[in-house]
Amino acid sequence: MSKYDSIRIEAYKANMELPKLGLVLFTFGNVSAADRELGVFAIKPSGVPYEALSPQNMVIVDFDGNIVEGSFRPSSDTKTHAVLYKHWADIGGIVHTHSTYATAWAQSLRDIPIYGTTHADYTTAPIPCAPPMDDEMIKGNYEYETGFQILNCFQEKELSYQELEMILVGNHAPFTWGKNAHKAVHNSAVLEFLAKTAFLTEQINSSAITLKESIKQKHWERKHGPDSYYGQ
């Protein structure tokens, strides 16, 4: 038994949801689960196929990206996860995928416009696409700087990571987060749905207009506002 068993299991279960949801191909993705009291997170080992994963081979890492426990190398994106955990105290799970439609928007360097009410159920803002990092950042500690690429985008656009739990990293792919790993995976699936439906909307009508403000606010408030009435 290890004091890290619970987050190892949480990370494992969340990682196994990615192929079930069609969000990953081969080993193109990872999920982490954090334990704030212990100051660590469990993350998928690098390059290990999903069918070969187990709770025991999840790697335990601290919020500076140092391996605490585990016999495998952690995901190559570990330092990005570490930066986000260290700076955003309210998140308990992070997902990175290269899901098809969200990655296409990231490669196009476009925010995902808010065309419909499903989008407004999760945020009243477009899904931001962080601009590509500059050459000095790329030459440096690349995965570490990717974390700051995300942080800087939220700061510059004056967005709240508690309210908007997803982003596109320009020329790269999406990241999502949540209160735990399960919610982060949920957000990853939602982001892929929003990316796909926005793409199809523009194919059907290249002049489609974005959702009007009153409907945006109605759908956000009914799910998240002080008088929300969605769900049980």
C-alpha atoms as a PDB file:
ATOM      1  CA  MET A   1       0.000   0.000   0.000  1.00  0.00           C
ATOM      2  CA  SER A   2       1.137   3.541  -0.756  1.00  0.00           C
ATOM      3  CA  LYS A   3      -0.273   6.884   0.289  1.00  0.00           C
ATOM      4  CA  TYR A   4      -0.453   7.654  -3.436  1.00  0.00           C
ATOM      5  CA  ASP A   5      -2.693   4.705  -4.338  1.00  0.00           C
ATOM      6  CA  SER A   6      -5.885   6.771  -4.562  1.00  0.00           C
ATOM      7  CA  ILE A   7      -4.539   9.252  -7.115  1.00  0.00           C
ATOM      8  CA  ARG A   8      -2.822   6.452  -9.041  1.00  0.00           C
ATOM      9  CA  ILE A   9      -6.210   4.745  -9.404  1.00  0.00           C
ATOM     10  CA  GLU A  10      -7.937   8.024 -10.258  1.00  0.00           C
ATOM     11  CA  ALA A  11      -5.338   8.854 -12.919  1.00  0.00           C
ATOM     12  CA  TYR A  12      -5.466   5.343 -14.359  1.00  0.00           C
ATOM     13  CA  LYS A  13      -9.266   5.285 -14.641  1.00  0.00           C
ATOM     14  CA  ALA A  14      -9.305   8.752 -16.225  1.00  0.00           C
ATOM     15  CA  ASN A  15      -6.605   7.844 -18.742  1.00  0.00           C
ATOM     16  CA  MET A  16      -8.563   4.753 -19.760  1.00  0.00           C
ATOM     17  CA  GLU A  17     -11.564   6.942 -20.586  1.00  0.00           C
ATOM     18  CA  LEU A  18      -9.676   8.759 -23.354  1.00  0.00           C
ATOM     19  CA  PRO A  19      -9.612   5.914 -25.904  1.00  0.00           C
ATOM     20  CA  LYS A  20     -13.191   4.934 -24.952  1.00  0.00           C
ATOM     21  CA  LEU A  21     -14.315   8.465 -25.815  1.00  0.00           C
ATOM     22  CA  GLY A  22     -12.325   8.561 -29.055  1.00  0.00           C
ATOM     23  CA  LEU A  23     -10.108  11.385 -27.787  1.00  0.00           C
ATOM     24  CA  VAL A  24      -6.743   9.728 -28.395  1.00  0.00           C
ATOM     25  CA  LEU A  25      -4.912   7.746 -31.056  1.00  0.00           C
ATOM     26  CA  PHE A  26      -2.071   5.441 -30.019  1.00  0.00           C
ATOM     27  CA  THR A  27      -0.379   7.254 -27.082  1.00  0.00           C
ATOM     28  CA  PHE A  28      -1.370  10.807 -28.075  1.00  0.00           C
ATOM     29  CA  GLY A  29      -2.646  12.017 -24.708  1.00  0.00           C
ATOM     30  CA  ASN A  30      -2.398  11.957 -20.942  1.00  0.00           C
ATOM     31  CA  VAL A  31      -4.359  12.617 -17.768  1.00  0.00           C
ATOM     32  CA  SER A  32      -3.080  13.563 -14.333  1.00  0.00           C
ATOM     33  CA  ALA A  33      -4.786  13.562 -10.919  1.00  0.00           C
ATOM     34  CA  ALA A  34      -3.555  15.738  -8.049  1.00  0.00           C
ATOM     35  CA  ASP A  35      -3.462  15.372  -4.272  1.00  0.00           C
ATOM     36  CA  ARG A  36      -3.242  18.919  -2.952  1.00  0.00           C
ATOM     37  CA  GLU A  37      -2.525  17.893   0.635  1.00  0.00           C
ATOM     38  CA  LEU A  38       0.464  15.798  -0.405  1.00  0.00           C
ATOM     39  CA  GLY A  39       1.578  18.306  -3.056  1.00  0.00           C
ATOM     40  CA  VAL A  40       1.852  15.714  -5.830  1.00  0.00           C
ATOM     41  CA  PHE A  41       0.048  14.373  -8.874  1.00  0.00           C
ATOM     42  CA  ALA A  42      -0.139  11.017 -10.650  1.00  0.00           C
ATOM     43  CA  ILE A  43       0.343  11.024 -14.425  1.00  0.00           C
ATOM     44  CA  LYS A  44       0.491   8.560 -17.296  1.00  0.00           C
ATOM     45  CA  PRO A  45       3.957   7.160 -18.102  1.00  0.00           C
ATOM     46  CA  SER A  46       5.464   8.370 -21.349  1.00  0.00           C
ATOM     47  CA  GLY A  47       4.810   6.390 -24.517  1.00  0.00           C
ATOM     48  CA  VAL A  48       3.049   3.456 -22.854  1.00  0.00           C
ATOM     49  CA  PRO A  49       0.032   2.182 -24.860  1.00  0.00           C
ATOM     50  CA  TYR A  50      -3.297   2.469 -23.074  1.00  0.00           C
ATOM     51  CA  GLU A  51      -3.869  -1.273 -23.144  1.00  0.00           C
ATOM     52  CA  ALA A  52      -0.626  -1.742 -21.174  1.00  0.00           C
ATOM     53  CA  LEU A  53      -1.479   0.759 -18.426  1.00  0.00           C
ATOM     54  CA  SER A  54      -2.187  -0.121 -14.801  1.00  0.00           C
ATOM     55  CA  PRO A  55      -2.605   1.939 -11.632  1.00  0.00           C
ATOM     56  CA  GLN A  56       0.857   0.788 -10.527  1.00  0.00           C
ATOM     57  CA  ASN A  57       2.659   2.354 -13.494  1.00  0.00           C
ATOM     58  CA  MET A  58       1.199   5.821 -12.968  1.00  0.00           C
ATOM     59  CA  VAL A  59       4.114   8.090 -11.990  1.00  0.00           C
ATOM     60  CA  ILE A  60       3.962  10.344  -8.913  1.00  0.00           C
ATOM     61  CA  VAL A  61       5.401  13.826  -9.488  1.00  0.00           C
ATOM     62  CA  ASP A  62       5.568  16.984  -7.379  1.00  0.00           C
ATOM     63  CA  PHE A  63       4.384  20.424  -8.482  1.00  0.00           C
ATOM     64  CA  ASP A  64       7.899  21.295  -9.654  1.00  0.00           C
ATOM     65  CA  GLY A  65       7.891  18.336 -12.028  1.00  0.00           C
ATOM     66  CA  ASN A  66      10.214  16.123  -9.986  1.00  0.00           C
ATOM     67  CA  ILE A  67       9.560  12.366  -9.815  1.00  0.00           C
ATOM     68  CA  VAL A  68       8.551  11.356  -6.296  1.00  0.00           C
ATOM     69  CA  GLU A  69       7.687   7.705  -6.876  1.00  0.00           C
ATOM     70  CA  GLY A  70       7.513   5.371  -9.861  1.00  0.00           C
ATOM     71  CA  SER A  71       9.695   3.218 -12.076  1.00  0.00           C
ATOM     72  CA  PHE A  72       8.645   4.774 -15.398  1.00  0.00           C
ATOM     73  CA  ARG A  73       9.412   8.112 -16.997  1.00  0.00           C
ATOM     74  CA  PRO A  74       6.350  10.362 -16.728  1.00  0.00           C
ATOM     75  CA  SER A  75       4.570  11.859 -19.712  1.00  0.00           C
ATOM     76  CA  SER A  76       6.614  14.305 -21.774  1.00  0.00           C
ATOM     77  CA  ASP A  77       3.930  16.898 -20.905  1.00  0.00           C
ATOM     78  CA  THR A  78       4.513  16.520 -17.147  1.00  0.00           C
ATOM     79  CA  LYS A  79       6.106  19.942 -16.695  1.00  0.00           C
ATOM     80  CA  THR A  80       3.116  21.613 -18.324  1.00  0.00           C
ATOM     81  CA  HIS A  81       0.812  19.886 -15.833  1.00  0.00           C
ATOM     82  CA  ALA A  82       3.140  20.877 -12.976  1.00  0.00           C
ATOM     83  CA  VAL A  83       3.067  24.570 -13.927  1.00  0.00           C
ATOM     84  CA  LEU A  84      -0.731  24.616 -14.054  1.00  0.00           C
ATOM     85  CA  TYR A  85      -1.103  22.831 -10.703  1.00  0.00           C
ATOM     86  CA  LYS A  86       1.411  25.164  -9.073  1.00  0.00           C
ATOM     87  CA  HIS A  87      -0.266  28.355 -10.281  1.00  0.00           C
ATOM     88  CA  TRP A  88      -3.949  27.341 -10.310  1.00  0.00           C
ATOM     89  CA  ALA A  89      -4.755  26.116  -6.824  1.00  0.00           C
ATOM     90  CA  ASP A  90      -8.331  24.980  -7.482  1.00  0.00           C
ATOM     91  CA  ILE A  91      -7.699  22.301 -10.093  1.00  0.00           C
ATOM     92  CA  GLY A  92      -7.341  18.604  -9.294  1.00  0.00           C
ATOM     93  CA  GLY A  93      -7.084  17.034 -12.747  1.00  0.00           C
ATOM     94  CA  ILE A  94      -5.604  17.917 -16.149  1.00  0.00           C
ATOM     95  CA  VAL A  95      -6.045  16.328 -19.582  1.00  0.00           C
ATOM     96  CA  HIS A  96      -4.014  16.796 -22.756  1.00  0.00           C
ATOM     97  CA  THR A  97      -5.105  15.154 -26.008  1.00  0.00           C
ATOM     98  CA  HIS A  98      -4.646  15.578 -29.729  1.00  0.00           C
ATOM     99  CA  SER A  99      -8.332  15.014 -30.426  1.00  0.00           C
ATOM    100  CA  THR A 100      -9.147  15.622 -34.079  1.00  0.00           C
ATOM    101  CA  TYR A 101     -11.351  18.701 -34.211  1.00  0.00           C
ATOM    102  CA  ALA A 102      -9.895  20.583 -31.245  1.00  0.00           C
ATOM    103  CA  THR A 103      -6.401  20.012 -32.625  1.00  0.00           C
ATOM    104  CA  ALA A 104      -7.503  21.255 -36.050  1.00  0.00           C
ATOM    105  CA  TRP A 105      -8.704  24.523 -34.490  1.00  0.00           C
ATOM    106  CA  ALA A 106      -5.424  24.807 -32.574  1.00  0.00           C
ATOM    107  CA  GLN A 107      -3.456  24.273 -35.770  1.00  0.00           C
ATOM    108  CA  SER A 108      -5.593  26.929 -37.453  1.00  0.00           C
ATOM    109  CA  LEU A 109      -4.695  29.365 -34.647  1.00  0.00           C
ATOM    110  CA  ARG A 110      -8.353  30.237 -34.135  1.00  0.00           C
ATOM    111  CA  ASP A 111     -10.507  30.623 -31.062  1.00  0.00           C
ATOM    112  CA  ILE A 112     -13.633  28.471 -31.245  1.00  0.00           C
ATOM    113  CA  PRO A 113     -16.563  30.888 -31.645  1.00  0.00           C
ATOM    114  CA  ILE A 114     -19.669  30.447 -29.528  1.00  0.00           C
ATOM    115  CA  TYR A 115     -22.338  29.432 -32.022  1.00  0.00           C
ATOM    116  CA  GLY A 116     -24.785  27.518 -29.869  1.00  0.00           C
ATOM    117  CA  THR A 117     -26.309  26.860 -26.487  1.00  0.00           C
ATOM    118  CA  THR A 118     -24.211  23.770 -25.727  1.00  0.00           C
ATOM    119  CA  HIS A 119     -21.162  26.025 -25.764  1.00  0.00           C
ATOM    120  CA  ALA A 120     -22.934  28.546 -23.516  1.00  0.00           C
ATOM    121  CA  ASP A 121     -23.718  25.786 -21.008  1.00  0.00           C
ATOM    122  CA  TYR A 122     -19.980  25.625 -20.318  1.00  0.00           C
ATOM    123  CA  THR A 123     -18.752  29.167 -20.958  1.00  0.00           C
ATOM    124  CA  THR A 124     -19.960  32.446 -22.395  1.00  0.00           C
ATOM    125  CA  ALA A 125     -16.557  33.051 -24.013  1.00  0.00           C
ATOM    126  CA  PRO A 126     -14.997  31.645 -27.166  1.00  0.00           C
ATOM    127  CA  ILE A 127     -12.586  28.785 -26.439  1.00  0.00           C
ATOM    128  CA  PRO A 128      -9.253  30.626 -26.575  1.00  0.00           C
ATOM    129  CA  CYS A 129      -6.330  29.603 -28.729  1.00  0.00           C
ATOM    130  CA  ALA A 130      -3.042  30.606 -27.119  1.00  0.00           C
ATOM    131  CA  PRO A 131      -0.671  32.109 -29.690  1.00  0.00           C
ATOM    132  CA  PRO A 132       2.425  30.108 -30.626  1.00  0.00           C
ATOM    133  CA  MET A 133       5.286  30.576 -28.194  1.00  0.00           C
ATOM    134  CA  ASP A 134       8.261  32.660 -29.267  1.00  0.00           C
ATOM    135  CA  ASP A 135      11.567  31.162 -30.364  1.00  0.00           C
ATOM    136  CA  GLU A 136      13.343  31.740 -27.051  1.00  0.00           C
ATOM    137  CA  MET A 137      10.674  29.820 -25.168  1.00  0.00           C
ATOM    138  CA  ILE A 138      10.843  26.995 -27.716  1.00  0.00           C
ATOM    139  CA  LYS A 139      14.630  26.770 -27.372  1.00  0.00           C
ATOM    140  CA  GLY A 140      14.343  26.671 -23.589  1.00  0.00           C
ATOM    141  CA  ASN A 141      12.417  24.292 -21.353  1.00  0.00           C
ATOM    142  CA  TYR A 142       9.673  23.675 -23.918  1.00  0.00           C
ATOM    143  CA  GLU A 143       7.085  21.751 -21.882  1.00  0.00           C
ATOM    144  CA  TYR A 144       7.585  24.029 -18.878  1.00  0.00           C
ATOM    145  CA  GLU A 145       7.075  27.080 -21.094  1.00  0.00           C
ATOM    146  CA  THR A 146       3.909  25.542 -22.528  1.00  0.00           C
ATOM    147  CA  GLY A 147       2.418  25.901 -19.054  1.00  0.00           C
ATOM    148  CA  PHE A 148       3.199  29.613 -19.128  1.00  0.00           C
ATOM    149  CA  GLN A 149       1.881  29.871 -22.663  1.00  0.00           C
ATOM    150  CA  ILE A 150      -1.470  28.785 -21.196  1.00  0.00           C
ATOM    151  CA  LEU A 151      -1.224  30.990 -18.096  1.00  0.00           C
ATOM    152  CA  ASN A 152      -0.255  34.037 -20.156  1.00  0.00           C
ATOM    153  CA  CYS A 153      -3.178  33.559 -22.541  1.00  0.00           C
ATOM    154  CA  PHE A 154      -5.659  33.509 -19.655  1.00  0.00           C
ATOM    155  CA  GLN A 155      -4.052  36.559 -18.089  1.00  0.00           C
ATOM    156  CA  GLU A 156      -3.969  38.558 -21.322  1.00  0.00           C
ATOM    157  CA  LYS A 157      -7.574  37.712 -22.189  1.00  0.00           C
ATOM    158  CA  GLU A 158      -8.679  38.282 -18.552  1.00  0.00           C
ATOM    159  CA  LEU A 159     -10.245  34.823 -18.346  1.00  0.00           C
ATOM    160  CA  SER A 160     -10.981  32.807 -15.212  1.00  0.00           C
ATOM    161  CA  TYR A 161      -9.614  29.258 -15.130  1.00  0.00           C
ATOM    162  CA  GLN A 162     -12.379  28.338 -12.648  1.00  0.00           C
ATOM    163  CA  GLU A 163     -15.087  29.309 -15.146  1.00  0.00           C
ATOM    164  CA  LEU A 164     -13.399  28.312 -18.414  1.00  0.00           C
ATOM    165  CA  GLU A 165     -11.734  24.920 -18.052  1.00  0.00           C
ATOM    166  CA  MET A 166     -10.279  24.455 -21.526  1.00  0.00           C
ATOM    167  CA  ILE A 167      -7.844  25.968 -24.006  1.00  0.00           C
ATOM    168  CA  LEU A 168      -6.245  25.352 -27.383  1.00  0.00           C
ATOM    169  CA  VAL A 169      -2.467  25.718 -27.533  1.00  0.00           C
ATOM    170  CA  GLY A 170      -1.637  27.267 -30.898  1.00  0.00           C
ATOM    171  CA  ASN A 171      -0.099  24.888 -33.464  1.00  0.00           C
ATOM    172  CA  HIS A 172      -0.306  22.160 -30.828  1.00  0.00           C
ATOM    173  CA  ALA A 173      -3.469  20.744 -29.242  1.00  0.00           C
ATOM    174  CA  PRO A 174      -6.008  21.143 -26.405  1.00  0.00           C
ATOM    175  CA  PHE A 175      -5.634  21.077 -22.623  1.00  0.00           C
ATOM    176  CA  THR A 176      -8.531  20.863 -20.181  1.00  0.00           C
ATOM    177  CA  TRP A 177      -8.760  20.753 -16.398  1.00  0.00           C
ATOM    178  CA  GLY A 178     -11.280  20.423 -13.585  1.00  0.00           C
ATOM    179  CA  LYS A 179     -11.817  19.789  -9.889  1.00  0.00           C
ATOM    180  CA  ASN A 180     -10.674  16.199 -10.438  1.00  0.00           C
ATOM    181  CA  ALA A 181      -9.425  13.974 -13.258  1.00  0.00           C
ATOM    182  CA  HIS A 182     -12.931  12.736 -14.140  1.00  0.00           C
ATOM    183  CA  LYS A 183     -14.190  16.317 -14.637  1.00  0.00           C
ATOM    184  CA  ALA A 184     -11.114  17.174 -16.702  1.00  0.00           C
ATOM    185  CA  VAL A 185     -11.869  14.226 -19.018  1.00  0.00           C
ATOM    186  CA  HIS A 186     -15.501  15.352 -19.228  1.00  0.00           C
ATOM    187  CA  ASN A 187     -14.307  18.802 -20.279  1.00  0.00           C
ATOM    188  CA  SER A 188     -11.995  17.279 -22.890  1.00  0.00           C
ATOM    189  CA  ALA A 189     -14.915  15.417 -24.466  1.00  0.00           C
ATOM    190  CA  VAL A 190     -17.051  18.561 -24.374  1.00  0.00           C
ATOM    191  CA  LEU A 191     -14.290  20.596 -26.016  1.00  0.00           C
ATOM    192  CA  GLU A 192     -14.000  18.071 -28.855  1.00  0.00           C
ATOM    193  CA  PHE A 193     -17.787  18.235 -29.345  1.00  0.00           C
ATOM    194  CA  LEU A 194     -17.736  22.047 -29.430  1.00  0.00           C
ATOM    195  CA  ALA A 195     -14.820  22.047 -31.869  1.00  0.00           C
ATOM    196  CA  LYS A 196     -16.592  19.599 -34.177  1.00  0.00           C
ATOM    197  CA  THR A 197     -19.956  21.350 -34.140  1.00  0.00           C
ATOM    198  CA  ALA A 198     -18.365  24.779 -34.686  1.00  0.00           C
ATOM    199  CA  PHE A 199     -16.479  23.382 -37.680  1.00  0.00           C
ATOM    200  CA  LEU A 200     -19.652  21.862 -39.120  1.00  0.00           C
ATOM    201  CA  THR A 201     -21.575  25.087 -38.490  1.00  0.00           C
ATOM    202  CA  GLU A 202     -19.091  27.024 -40.601  1.00  0.00           C
ATOM    203  CA  GLN A 203     -19.241  24.365 -43.342  1.00  0.00           C
ATOM    204  CA  ILE A 204     -23.029  24.601 -43.493  1.00  0.00           C
ATOM    205  CA  ASN A 205     -23.091  28.397 -43.281  1.00  0.00           C
ATOM    206  CA  SER A 206     -19.834  30.274 -43.755  1.00  0.00           C
ATOM    207  CA  SER A 207     -21.630  33.443 -42.616  1.00  0.00           C
ATOM    208  CA  ALA A 208     -23.047  31.945 -39.412  1.00  0.00           C
ATOM    209  CA  ILE A 209     -23.434  34.477 -36.630  1.00  0.00           C
ATOM    210  CA  THR A 210     -22.452  33.832 -33.044  1.00  0.00           C
ATOM    211  CA  LEU A 211     -24.977  33.275 -30.283  1.00  0.00           C
ATOM    212  CA  LYS A 212     -26.722  36.425 -29.138  1.00  0.00           C
ATOM    213  CA  GLU A 213     -25.896  37.704 -25.678  1.00  0.00           C
ATOM    214  CA  SER A 214     -29.289  37.100 -24.073  1.00  0.00           C
ATOM    215  CA  ILE A 215     -29.275  33.380 -24.943  1.00  0.00           C
ATOM    216  CA  LYS A 216     -25.639  33.033 -23.861  1.00  0.00           C
ATOM    217  CA  GLN A 217     -26.389  34.469 -20.463  1.00  0.00           C
ATOM    218  CA  LYS A 218     -29.623  32.474 -20.076  1.00  0.00           C
ATOM    219  CA  HIS A 219     -27.892  29.149 -20.666  1.00  0.00           C
ATOM    220  CA  TRP A 220     -24.943  29.994 -18.443  1.00  0.00           C
ATOM    221  CA  GLU A 221     -27.108  31.269 -15.598  1.00  0.00           C
ATOM    222  CA  ARG A 222     -29.560  28.374 -15.630  1.00  0.00           C
ATOM    223  CA  LYS A 223     -26.661  25.979 -15.090  1.00  0.00           C
ATOM    224  CA  HIS A 224     -24.175  28.037 -13.047  1.00  0.00           C
ATOM    225  CA  GLY A 225     -25.925  31.131 -11.724  1.00  0.00           C
ATOM    226  CA  PRO A 226     -27.203  31.764  -8.167  1.00  0.00           C
ATOM    227  CA  ASP A 227     -30.692  30.659  -9.181  1.00  0.00           C
ATOM    228  CA  SER A 228     -29.588  27.758 -11.381  1.00  0.00           C
ATOM    229  CA  TYR A 229     -32.150  25.046 -11.986  1.00  0.00           C
ATOM    230  CA  TYR A 230     -30.392  22.608 -14.332  1.00  0.00           C
ATOM    231  CA  GLY A 231     -29.981  19.073 -12.977  1.00  0.00           C
ATOM    232  CA  GLN A 232     -30.707  17.634  -9.536  1.00  0.00           C
END
